[in-house]
C-alpha cells in the first residue's frame, strides 16, 4: 500500500512539472507572437508543444529544453500512475 502511494505521489509531482513546462512553453510562444488560447489550453497544449519544437528547431537546429521536459514528465507521470494503480490493486 505504501509503495503504491509513493508511485502515485511521484506521478503527481511529474504531472505538476509537466504543467510548469507547458506554462513556460506557452510564454515562449507568446513572446514570439503566437496567439495563445488560454480558455482551451488543455486541449491545445500538444499543438503548442509542436509549435515550440518547430520554432526552436528553426532558431537553433535542436528542440528546446522545455520540449523534452514536457514530453518526459508527462510520459513519466503516465507510467508512474499506472504502476501505482497496479500496485494498489494487488
N, C-alpha and C. Protein backbone atom coordinates (compact mmCIF):
# COMPACT_ATOMS: atom_id res chain seq x y z
N UNK A 1 0.82 -1.20 0.00
CA UNK A 1 0.00 0.00 0.00
C UNK A 1 0.86 1.26 0.00
N UNK A 2 1.90 1.29 0.84
CA UNK A 2 2.76 2.47 0.90
C UNK A 2 3.54 2.65 -0.40
N UNK A 3 3.90 1.53 -1.02
CA UNK A 3 4.66 1.60 -2.28
C UNK A 3 3.79 2.19 -3.39
N UNK A 4 2.52 1.80 -3.43
CA UNK A 4 1.64 2.34 -4.46
C UNK A 4 1.41 3.83 -4.25
N UNK A 5 1.30 4.25 -3.00
CA UNK A 5 1.14 5.68 -2.71
C UNK A 5 2.37 6.47 -3.13
N UNK A 6 3.54 5.88 -2.95
CA UNK A 6 4.78 6.54 -3.37
C UNK A 6 4.78 6.77 -4.87
N UNK A 7 4.39 5.75 -5.63
CA UNK A 7 4.35 5.89 -7.08
C UNK A 7 3.31 6.93 -7.50
N UNK A 8 2.18 6.96 -6.84
CA UNK A 8 1.14 7.93 -7.18
C UNK A 8 1.58 9.36 -6.85
N UNK A 9 2.29 9.54 -5.76
CA UNK A 9 2.81 10.86 -5.41
C UNK A 9 3.86 11.30 -6.41
N UNK A 10 4.73 10.38 -6.82
CA UNK A 10 5.73 10.71 -7.84
C UNK A 10 5.06 11.04 -9.18
N UNK A 11 3.98 10.35 -9.50
CA UNK A 11 3.23 10.64 -10.73
C UNK A 11 2.63 12.04 -10.66
N UNK A 12 2.11 12.41 -9.51
CA UNK A 12 1.54 13.75 -9.34
C UNK A 12 2.62 14.82 -9.46
N UNK A 13 3.78 14.58 -8.86
CA UNK A 13 4.88 15.54 -8.95
C UNK A 13 5.35 15.68 -10.40
N UNK A 14 5.40 14.58 -11.12
CA UNK A 14 5.80 14.63 -12.52
C UNK A 14 4.78 15.39 -13.36
N UNK A 15 3.50 15.20 -13.08
CA UNK A 15 2.45 15.92 -13.80
C UNK A 15 2.53 17.42 -13.52
N UNK A 16 2.83 17.78 -12.28
CA UNK A 16 2.99 19.20 -11.94
C UNK A 16 4.15 19.79 -12.73
N UNK A 17 5.26 19.05 -12.84
CA UNK A 17 6.39 19.54 -13.63
C UNK A 17 6.01 19.69 -15.10
N UNK A 18 5.17 18.81 -15.60
CA UNK A 18 4.68 18.93 -16.96
C UNK A 18 3.85 20.20 -17.16
N UNK A 19 3.06 20.54 -16.16
CA UNK A 19 2.27 21.77 -16.22
C UNK A 19 3.20 22.99 -16.21
N UNK A 20 4.22 22.96 -15.38
CA UNK A 20 5.19 24.05 -15.37
C UNK A 20 5.85 24.19 -16.74
N UNK A 21 6.22 23.07 -17.33
CA UNK A 21 6.84 23.09 -18.66
C UNK A 21 5.89 23.68 -19.69
N UNK A 22 4.61 23.32 -19.62
CA UNK A 22 3.65 23.85 -20.58
C UNK A 22 3.45 25.35 -20.42
N UNK A 23 3.50 25.84 -19.19
CA UNK A 23 3.39 27.28 -18.95
C UNK A 23 4.58 28.01 -19.56
N UNK A 24 5.77 27.47 -19.37
CA UNK A 24 6.97 28.09 -19.94
C UNK A 24 6.91 28.06 -21.47
N UNK A 25 6.44 26.96 -22.03
CA UNK A 25 6.33 26.84 -23.49
C UNK A 25 5.35 27.87 -24.03
N UNK A 26 4.20 28.01 -23.41
CA UNK A 26 3.21 28.99 -23.90
C UNK A 26 3.72 30.42 -23.73
N UNK A 27 4.47 30.69 -22.69
CA UNK A 27 5.06 32.03 -22.52
C UNK A 27 6.08 32.30 -23.61
N UNK A 28 6.88 31.31 -23.95
CA UNK A 28 7.85 31.43 -25.03
C UNK A 28 7.15 31.74 -26.35
N UNK A 29 6.08 31.00 -26.64
CA UNK A 29 5.35 31.21 -27.88
C UNK A 29 4.68 32.58 -27.91
N UNK A 30 4.15 33.01 -26.78
CA UNK A 30 3.51 34.33 -26.72
C UNK A 30 4.52 35.44 -27.01
N UNK A 31 5.75 35.29 -26.51
CA UNK A 31 6.79 36.27 -26.79
C UNK A 31 7.18 36.29 -28.26
N UNK A 32 6.98 35.17 -28.94
CA UNK A 32 7.29 35.08 -30.37
C UNK A 32 6.11 35.49 -31.25
N UNK A 33 5.01 35.94 -30.64
CA UNK A 33 3.88 36.44 -31.39
C UNK A 33 2.80 35.42 -31.70
N UNK A 34 2.90 34.22 -31.16
CA UNK A 34 1.87 33.20 -31.38
C UNK A 34 0.71 33.50 -30.43
N UNK A 35 -0.50 33.53 -30.98
CA UNK A 35 -1.68 33.76 -30.15
C UNK A 35 -1.98 32.49 -29.36
N UNK A 36 -2.10 32.65 -28.06
CA UNK A 36 -2.37 31.53 -27.17
C UNK A 36 -3.83 31.61 -26.73
N UNK A 37 -4.56 30.53 -26.90
CA UNK A 37 -5.95 30.46 -26.46
C UNK A 37 -5.95 29.85 -25.04
N UNK A 38 -5.99 30.71 -24.04
CA UNK A 38 -5.88 30.25 -22.65
C UNK A 38 -7.13 29.53 -22.18
N UNK A 39 -8.26 29.76 -22.84
CA UNK A 39 -9.50 29.08 -22.45
C UNK A 39 -9.41 27.59 -22.77
N UNK A 40 -8.85 27.26 -23.92
CA UNK A 40 -8.77 25.86 -24.35
C UNK A 40 -7.34 25.33 -24.31
N UNK A 41 -6.53 25.84 -23.42
CA UNK A 41 -5.11 25.46 -23.40
C UNK A 41 -4.93 23.96 -23.15
N UNK A 42 -5.80 23.37 -22.34
CA UNK A 42 -5.66 21.94 -22.06
C UNK A 42 -5.89 21.10 -23.31
N UNK A 43 -6.72 21.58 -24.20
CA UNK A 43 -6.98 20.86 -25.44
C UNK A 43 -5.91 21.12 -26.49
N UNK A 44 -5.30 22.30 -26.43
CA UNK A 44 -4.37 22.73 -27.47
C UNK A 44 -2.90 22.61 -27.09
N UNK A 45 -2.59 22.10 -25.90
CA UNK A 45 -1.22 22.12 -25.44
C UNK A 45 -0.29 21.31 -26.36
N UNK A 46 -0.77 20.21 -26.91
CA UNK A 46 0.09 19.43 -27.81
C UNK A 46 0.42 20.22 -29.07
N UNK A 47 -0.52 21.01 -29.55
CA UNK A 47 -0.27 21.89 -30.69
C UNK A 47 0.82 22.91 -30.34
N UNK A 48 0.73 23.49 -29.15
CA UNK A 48 1.71 24.48 -28.73
C UNK A 48 3.09 23.85 -28.53
N UNK A 49 3.12 22.62 -28.03
CA UNK A 49 4.40 21.93 -27.86
C UNK A 49 5.05 21.68 -29.22
N UNK A 50 4.25 21.28 -30.21
CA UNK A 50 4.79 21.09 -31.57
C UNK A 50 5.29 22.42 -32.15
N UNK A 51 4.54 23.50 -31.91
CA UNK A 51 4.98 24.81 -32.41
C UNK A 51 6.29 25.23 -31.74
N UNK A 52 6.39 25.01 -30.43
CA UNK A 52 7.62 25.32 -29.70
C UNK A 52 8.80 24.55 -30.29
N UNK A 53 8.59 23.26 -30.54
CA UNK A 53 9.66 22.44 -31.11
C UNK A 53 10.06 22.97 -32.49
N UNK A 54 9.08 23.31 -33.30
CA UNK A 54 9.36 23.80 -34.66
C UNK A 54 10.14 25.12 -34.61
N UNK A 55 9.72 26.04 -33.77
CA UNK A 55 10.39 27.34 -33.68
C UNK A 55 11.81 27.19 -33.15
N UNK A 56 11.99 26.38 -32.11
CA UNK A 56 13.34 26.22 -31.55
C UNK A 56 14.24 25.47 -32.53
N UNK A 57 13.68 24.56 -33.31
CA UNK A 57 14.47 23.87 -34.34
C UNK A 57 14.94 24.85 -35.40
N UNK A 58 14.08 25.80 -35.77
CA UNK A 58 14.46 26.80 -36.76
C UNK A 58 15.52 27.75 -36.21
N UNK A 59 15.42 28.09 -34.93
CA UNK A 59 16.35 29.05 -34.33
C UNK A 59 17.71 28.44 -34.02
N UNK A 60 17.72 27.21 -33.49
CA UNK A 60 18.99 26.66 -33.03
C UNK A 60 19.37 25.32 -33.65
N UNK A 61 18.46 24.74 -34.41
CA UNK A 61 18.76 23.46 -35.00
C UNK A 61 18.43 22.26 -34.13
N UNK A 62 17.95 22.52 -32.90
CA UNK A 62 17.56 21.45 -31.99
C UNK A 62 16.31 21.87 -31.24
N UNK A 63 15.53 20.90 -30.78
CA UNK A 63 14.36 21.26 -29.96
C UNK A 63 14.82 21.90 -28.65
N UNK A 64 14.03 22.83 -28.17
CA UNK A 64 14.36 23.50 -26.91
C UNK A 64 14.25 22.55 -25.73
N UNK A 65 14.87 22.90 -24.62
CA UNK A 65 14.88 22.01 -23.45
C UNK A 65 13.50 21.79 -22.84
N UNK A 66 12.62 22.74 -22.98
CA UNK A 66 11.28 22.59 -22.40
C UNK A 66 10.45 21.57 -23.17
N UNK A 67 10.79 21.33 -24.43
CA UNK A 67 10.11 20.29 -25.19
C UNK A 67 10.35 18.94 -24.52
N UNK A 68 11.61 18.64 -24.26
CA UNK A 68 11.94 17.36 -23.62
C UNK A 68 11.41 17.32 -22.19
N UNK A 69 11.45 18.43 -21.51
CA UNK A 69 10.93 18.49 -20.15
C UNK A 69 9.45 18.12 -20.12
N UNK A 70 8.68 18.65 -21.06
CA UNK A 70 7.25 18.35 -21.12
C UNK A 70 7.01 16.89 -21.48
N UNK A 71 7.66 16.42 -22.53
CA UNK A 71 7.42 15.06 -23.02
C UNK A 71 7.82 14.03 -21.96
N UNK A 72 9.00 14.19 -21.38
CA UNK A 72 9.47 13.21 -20.40
C UNK A 72 8.60 13.24 -19.14
N UNK A 73 8.26 14.42 -18.65
CA UNK A 73 7.48 14.49 -17.42
C UNK A 73 6.08 13.92 -17.59
N UNK A 74 5.44 14.17 -18.72
CA UNK A 74 4.10 13.63 -18.92
C UNK A 74 4.12 12.12 -19.13
N UNK A 75 5.09 11.62 -19.86
CA UNK A 75 5.20 10.16 -20.03
C UNK A 75 5.55 9.48 -18.72
N UNK A 76 6.42 10.10 -17.95
CA UNK A 76 6.78 9.55 -16.64
C UNK A 76 5.58 9.55 -15.71
N UNK A 77 4.77 10.61 -15.75
CA UNK A 77 3.56 10.67 -14.92
C UNK A 77 2.62 9.52 -15.29
N UNK A 78 2.47 9.27 -16.58
CA UNK A 78 1.59 8.19 -17.02
C UNK A 78 2.09 6.83 -16.53
N UNK A 79 3.36 6.57 -16.71
CA UNK A 79 3.92 5.27 -16.31
C UNK A 79 3.84 5.09 -14.79
N UNK A 80 4.21 6.13 -14.04
CA UNK A 80 4.17 6.03 -12.57
C UNK A 80 2.75 5.86 -12.06
N UNK A 81 1.79 6.52 -12.68
CA UNK A 81 0.39 6.37 -12.26
C UNK A 81 -0.10 4.95 -12.53
N UNK A 82 0.26 4.41 -13.68
CA UNK A 82 -0.15 3.03 -13.98
C UNK A 82 0.46 2.04 -13.00
N UNK A 83 1.74 2.22 -12.70
CA UNK A 83 2.41 1.33 -11.73
C UNK A 83 1.75 1.49 -10.36
N UNK A 84 1.47 2.70 -9.95
CA UNK A 84 0.82 2.92 -8.65
C UNK A 84 -0.56 2.28 -8.58
N UNK A 85 -1.32 2.39 -9.64
CA UNK A 85 -2.65 1.79 -9.66
C UNK A 85 -2.58 0.27 -9.65
N UNK A 86 -1.65 -0.29 -10.42
CA UNK A 86 -1.49 -1.75 -10.44
C UNK A 86 -1.08 -2.24 -9.07
N UNK A 87 -0.13 -1.56 -8.41
CA UNK A 87 0.30 -1.98 -7.07
C UNK A 87 -0.82 -1.85 -6.05
N UNK A 88 -1.69 -0.89 -6.23
CA UNK A 88 -2.80 -0.70 -5.29
C UNK A 88 -3.81 -1.82 -5.40
N UNK A 89 -3.97 -2.37 -6.61
CA UNK A 89 -4.95 -3.43 -6.80
C UNK A 89 -4.42 -4.80 -6.38
N UNK A 90 -3.12 -4.92 -6.22
CA UNK A 90 -2.54 -6.22 -5.82
C UNK A 90 -2.76 -6.47 -4.35
